[in-house]
Amino acid sequence: MSSLGENRVEKIFLDMQFSDREVLKAIALKKIDIERVAESKLDQLSERGLHQGIVASVLDFRYYSLEEVIAAAASKKYPLLIVLDGIEDPHNFGAILRTCDAFGVDGVIIKKNRQVPLNATVAKVSTGAIDFVKVAEVTNLSVAIASLKERGYWIVASDGEATLSYRDVDCERPIALVLGSEGRGVSRLVIERSDYKVKIPMFGHVNSLNVSVAAGILIANIVKDR
């Protein structure tokens, strides 16, 4: 239940025979409404998924506006925002949100199209971080980046073809770190609008990293350098 965000749970549907005392105690502590229903109803609510006698009805995941994210980060001396350019795997998105929460990232910006939205899988993988990291969904990523630059942000794009190492960027400034899709990377237009293009030097036989792993390395380095 915590992975779905307890503050968004509207109602819990339980099988008539459900009797797990620990679960019932947790629901009571959160003062969430309960309705006992037939197993067939749970099958319907879960779309024939594995429900184990319990299904939660939750509110939609909240998106913030770009202005809200920027305003919330304004109090920081060196704010850090993450820009996701077309992440399509919910497991990668959820893992990135978990990393963002762990390192105190001020917000995440995603594009509306060709990007996995906030959903139950993302929430589960994030292990609750989805409730604490502000996510803004924008129609045009290039316009959003232009707005960030006007506010003093330096745009740092992760690009495997870059010549500059991620260690060589001055991180003591407002930064918007751009991470590209699993297959295509950061789009050409976004690369062209970036102030820095950086790569993670690798010395093994595999010349690429999973985007969520790359995010962890880059975010941790920015925080360390500050």
Protein backbone atom coordinates (compact mmCIF):
# COMPACT_ATOMS: atom_id res chain seq x y z
CA MET A 1 0.00 0.00 0.00
CA SER A 2 2.86 2.38 0.76
CA SER A 3 4.25 1.95 -2.75
CA LEU A 4 1.04 3.37 -4.16
CA GLY A 5 1.13 6.39 -1.93
CA GLU A 6 -0.93 6.19 1.24
CA ASN A 7 -2.06 9.80 0.90
CA ARG A 8 -3.81 8.92 -2.38
CA VAL A 9 -5.67 5.80 -1.24
CA GLU A 10 -9.40 6.58 -1.33
CA LYS A 11 -10.83 3.20 -0.43
CA ILE A 12 -9.83 -0.39 0.24
CA PHE A 13 -11.87 -3.28 -1.16
CA LEU A 14 -11.47 -6.54 0.76
CA ASP A 15 -12.58 -10.06 0.09
CA MET A 16 -15.32 -11.27 2.46
CA GLN A 17 -12.88 -13.72 4.05
CA PHE A 18 -9.85 -11.40 4.27
CA SER A 19 -8.48 -11.53 7.83
CA ASP A 20 -4.81 -10.49 7.85
CA ARG A 21 -4.63 -8.64 11.18
CA GLU A 22 -1.51 -6.64 10.37
CA VAL A 23 -2.98 -5.31 7.13
CA LEU A 24 -6.30 -4.53 8.78
CA LYS A 25 -4.50 -2.71 11.61
CA ALA A 26 -2.48 -0.62 9.11
CA ILE A 27 -5.65 0.34 7.22
CA ALA A 28 -7.38 1.31 10.46
CA LEU A 29 -4.45 3.50 11.52
CA LYS A 30 -4.67 5.37 8.20
CA LYS A 31 -8.45 5.72 8.64
CA ILE A 32 -9.12 4.47 5.12
CA ASP A 33 -12.65 3.37 4.22
CA ILE A 34 -13.15 -0.37 3.75
CA GLU A 35 -15.73 -2.23 1.71
CA ARG A 36 -16.13 -5.99 1.82
CA VAL A 37 -16.94 -7.41 -1.60
CA ALA A 38 -17.17 -10.74 -3.39
CA GLU A 39 -14.05 -12.18 -4.99
CA SER A 40 -15.59 -11.66 -8.42
CA LYS A 41 -15.73 -7.91 -7.71
CA LEU A 42 -12.03 -7.89 -6.81
CA ASP A 43 -11.29 -9.76 -10.04
CA GLN A 44 -13.14 -7.05 -11.93
CA LEU A 45 -11.43 -4.19 -10.11
CA SER A 46 -7.97 -5.66 -10.63
CA GLU A 47 -8.70 -6.59 -14.26
CA ARG A 48 -8.11 -10.25 -13.40
CA GLY A 49 -4.76 -9.45 -11.80
CA LEU A 50 -3.29 -11.11 -8.69
CA HIS A 51 -5.02 -9.26 -5.86
CA GLN A 52 -4.71 -11.66 -2.89
CA GLY A 53 -8.06 -10.51 -1.56
CA ILE A 54 -7.32 -6.77 -1.39
CA VAL A 55 -7.58 -3.93 -3.93
CA ALA A 56 -6.99 -0.22 -3.35
CA SER A 57 -8.74 2.62 -5.15
CA VAL A 58 -6.27 5.51 -5.49
CA LEU A 59 -6.33 9.08 -6.75
CA ASP A 60 -4.47 9.99 -9.93
CA PHE A 61 -0.81 10.86 -9.53
CA ARG A 62 -0.25 14.60 -9.28
CA TYR A 63 1.82 16.57 -11.75
CA TYR A 64 3.22 19.99 -10.91
CA SER A 65 3.56 22.83 -13.37
CA LEU A 66 7.03 23.83 -14.53
CA GLU A 67 6.60 27.13 -12.69
CA GLU A 68 5.75 25.29 -9.46
CA VAL A 69 8.88 23.16 -9.72
CA ILE A 70 11.11 26.15 -10.45
CA ALA A 71 9.55 28.17 -7.62
CA ALA A 72 9.97 25.33 -5.12
CA ALA A 73 13.67 25.06 -5.99
CA ALA A 74 14.29 28.82 -5.85
CA SER A 75 15.25 28.77 -2.18
CA LYS A 76 18.26 26.55 -2.89
CA LYS A 77 21.65 28.13 -3.59
CA TYR A 78 22.34 25.56 -6.29
CA PRO A 79 19.10 23.81 -7.27
CA LEU A 80 19.21 20.57 -9.23
CA LEU A 81 16.48 19.50 -11.65
CA ILE A 82 16.36 16.35 -13.78
CA VAL A 83 15.00 16.50 -17.33
CA LEU A 84 13.93 13.18 -18.85
CA ASP A 85 13.89 13.15 -22.64
CA GLY A 86 11.65 10.22 -23.50
CA ILE A 87 12.14 7.55 -20.81
CA GLU A 88 9.79 4.75 -21.86
CA ASP A 89 10.50 2.03 -19.29
CA PRO A 90 8.51 2.53 -16.07
CA HIS A 91 11.12 0.60 -14.11
CA ASN A 92 13.82 3.07 -15.17
CA PHE A 93 11.56 6.02 -14.38
CA GLY A 94 10.72 4.64 -10.95
CA ALA A 95 14.38 3.95 -10.16
CA ILE A 96 15.32 7.49 -11.21
CA LEU A 97 12.66 8.96 -8.92
CA ARG A 98 14.02 6.85 -6.06
CA THR A 99 17.51 8.24 -6.69
CA CYS A 100 16.15 11.78 -6.93
CA ASP A 101 14.50 11.46 -3.54
CA ALA A 102 17.62 9.93 -1.99
CA PHE A 103 19.85 12.81 -3.12
CA GLY A 104 17.39 15.65 -2.58
CA VAL A 105 16.82 16.55 -6.23
CA ASP A 106 14.45 19.51 -6.48
CA GLY A 107 12.23 18.23 -9.28
CA VAL A 108 11.89 16.18 -12.45
CA ILE A 109 10.65 17.43 -15.81
CA ILE A 110 9.22 15.02 -18.39
CA LYS A 111 7.60 15.51 -21.76
CA LYS A 112 3.98 14.65 -22.37
CA ASN A 113 4.50 12.43 -25.41
CA ARG A 114 6.81 9.44 -25.91
CA GLN A 115 7.48 9.26 -22.19
CA VAL A 116 6.12 6.84 -19.62
CA PRO A 117 3.74 8.76 -17.31
CA LEU A 118 3.42 8.48 -13.56
CA ASN A 119 1.64 5.18 -13.00
CA ALA A 120 1.36 2.29 -10.56
CA THR A 121 4.47 0.50 -11.87
CA VAL A 122 6.56 3.66 -11.57
CA ALA A 123 5.20 4.16 -8.06
CA LYS A 124 6.03 0.61 -7.01
CA VAL A 125 9.59 0.75 -8.32
CA SER A 126 10.13 4.15 -6.71
CA THR A 127 9.22 2.59 -3.32
CA GLY A 128 7.27 5.68 -2.32
CA ALA A 129 9.60 8.35 -3.75
CA ILE A 130 6.87 9.28 -6.23
CA ASP A 131 5.06 11.00 -3.34
CA PHE A 132 8.00 13.28 -2.54
CA VAL A 133 9.63 14.19 -5.86
CA LYS A 134 7.89 16.96 -7.80
CA VAL A 135 7.29 15.94 -11.42
CA ALA A 136 6.32 18.47 -14.10
CA GLU A 137 4.91 17.32 -17.44
CA VAL A 138 5.53 19.70 -20.35
CA THR A 139 4.35 19.70 -23.96
CA ASN A 140 7.61 20.97 -25.43
CA LEU A 141 10.89 20.05 -23.78
CA SER A 142 12.92 22.59 -25.78
CA VAL A 143 10.67 25.44 -24.62
CA ALA A 144 10.96 24.22 -21.02
CA ILE A 145 14.75 24.16 -21.30
CA ALA A 146 14.75 27.70 -22.71
CA SER A 147 12.71 28.78 -19.68
CA LEU A 148 15.19 27.11 -17.34
CA LYS A 149 18.11 28.89 -19.01
CA GLU A 150 16.33 32.21 -18.57
CA ARG A 151 16.15 31.42 -14.83
CA GLY A 152 19.90 30.86 -14.63
CA TYR A 153 20.07 27.09 -15.02
CA TRP A 154 22.95 25.47 -16.85
CA ILE A 155 21.79 22.59 -19.02
CA VAL A 156 23.98 19.48 -18.76
CA ALA A 157 23.08 16.68 -21.18
CA SER A 158 24.30 13.11 -20.85
CA ASP A 159 25.61 12.01 -24.24
CA GLY A 160 27.71 8.93 -24.97
CA GLU A 161 29.37 10.74 -27.89
CA ALA A 162 30.51 13.70 -25.78
CA THR A 163 34.19 14.47 -25.26
CA LEU A 164 33.78 16.07 -21.83
CA SER A 165 33.76 13.84 -18.73
CA TYR A 166 30.98 14.38 -16.19
CA ARG A 167 33.72 15.03 -13.61
CA ASP A 168 34.87 18.16 -15.44
CA VAL A 169 31.69 20.23 -15.00
CA ASP A 170 31.51 22.96 -12.37
CA CYS A 171 28.53 21.84 -10.30
CA GLU A 172 28.34 24.90 -8.04
CA ARG A 173 25.58 26.48 -10.08
CA PRO A 174 21.90 25.74 -10.81
CA ILE A 175 21.87 22.63 -13.00
CA ALA A 176 19.25 20.89 -15.11
CA LEU A 177 20.61 17.43 -15.91
CA VAL A 178 19.16 15.90 -19.08
CA LEU A 179 18.92 12.13 -19.49
CA GLY A 180 17.82 10.57 -22.76
CA SER A 181 15.68 7.61 -23.71
CA GLU A 182 16.92 4.04 -23.41
CA GLY A 183 17.39 3.60 -27.16
CA ARG A 184 17.71 7.02 -28.76
CA GLY A 185 19.44 9.04 -26.07
CA VAL A 186 18.94 12.79 -25.77
CA SER A 187 17.24 14.26 -28.84
CA ARG A 188 19.24 16.44 -31.24
CA LEU A 189 17.31 19.64 -30.49
CA VAL A 190 17.85 19.26 -26.76
CA ILE A 191 21.55 18.48 -27.28
CA GLU A 192 21.88 21.68 -29.33
CA ARG A 193 20.31 23.71 -26.51
CA SER A 194 22.58 22.26 -23.83
CA ASP A 195 25.45 24.16 -22.28
CA TYR A 196 27.46 21.02 -21.59
CA LYS A 197 27.44 17.55 -23.14
CA VAL A 198 29.03 15.01 -20.82
CA LYS A 199 29.74 11.30 -20.77
CA ILE A 200 30.60 8.74 -18.14
CA PRO A 201 34.02 7.30 -19.09
CA MET A 202 33.93 3.50 -19.20
CA PHE A 203 36.81 1.07 -19.30
CA GLY A 204 35.16 -2.30 -19.75
CA HIS A 205 33.82 -4.16 -22.75
CA VAL A 206 30.28 -2.71 -22.57
CA ASN A 207 30.12 0.91 -23.69
CA SER A 208 26.75 1.92 -22.25
CA LEU A 209 24.86 1.95 -18.97
CA ASN A 210 21.22 1.59 -18.07
CA VAL A 211 19.76 5.11 -17.88
CA SER A 212 18.74 4.73 -14.24
CA VAL A 213 22.28 3.63 -13.34
CA ALA A 214 23.74 6.58 -15.27
CA ALA A 215 21.33 8.89 -13.46
CA GLY A 216 22.57 7.62 -10.10
CA ILE A 217 26.22 8.20 -11.02
CA LEU A 218 25.65 11.68 -12.41
CA ILE A 219 23.35 12.88 -9.63
CA ALA A 220 25.67 11.52 -6.91
CA ASN A 221 28.64 13.29 -8.52
CA ILE A 222 26.81 16.64 -8.64
CA VAL A 223 25.82 16.35 -4.98
CA LYS A 224 29.34 15.28 -3.97
CA ASP A 225 30.99 18.19 -5.79
CA ARG A 226 28.74 20.65 -4.00
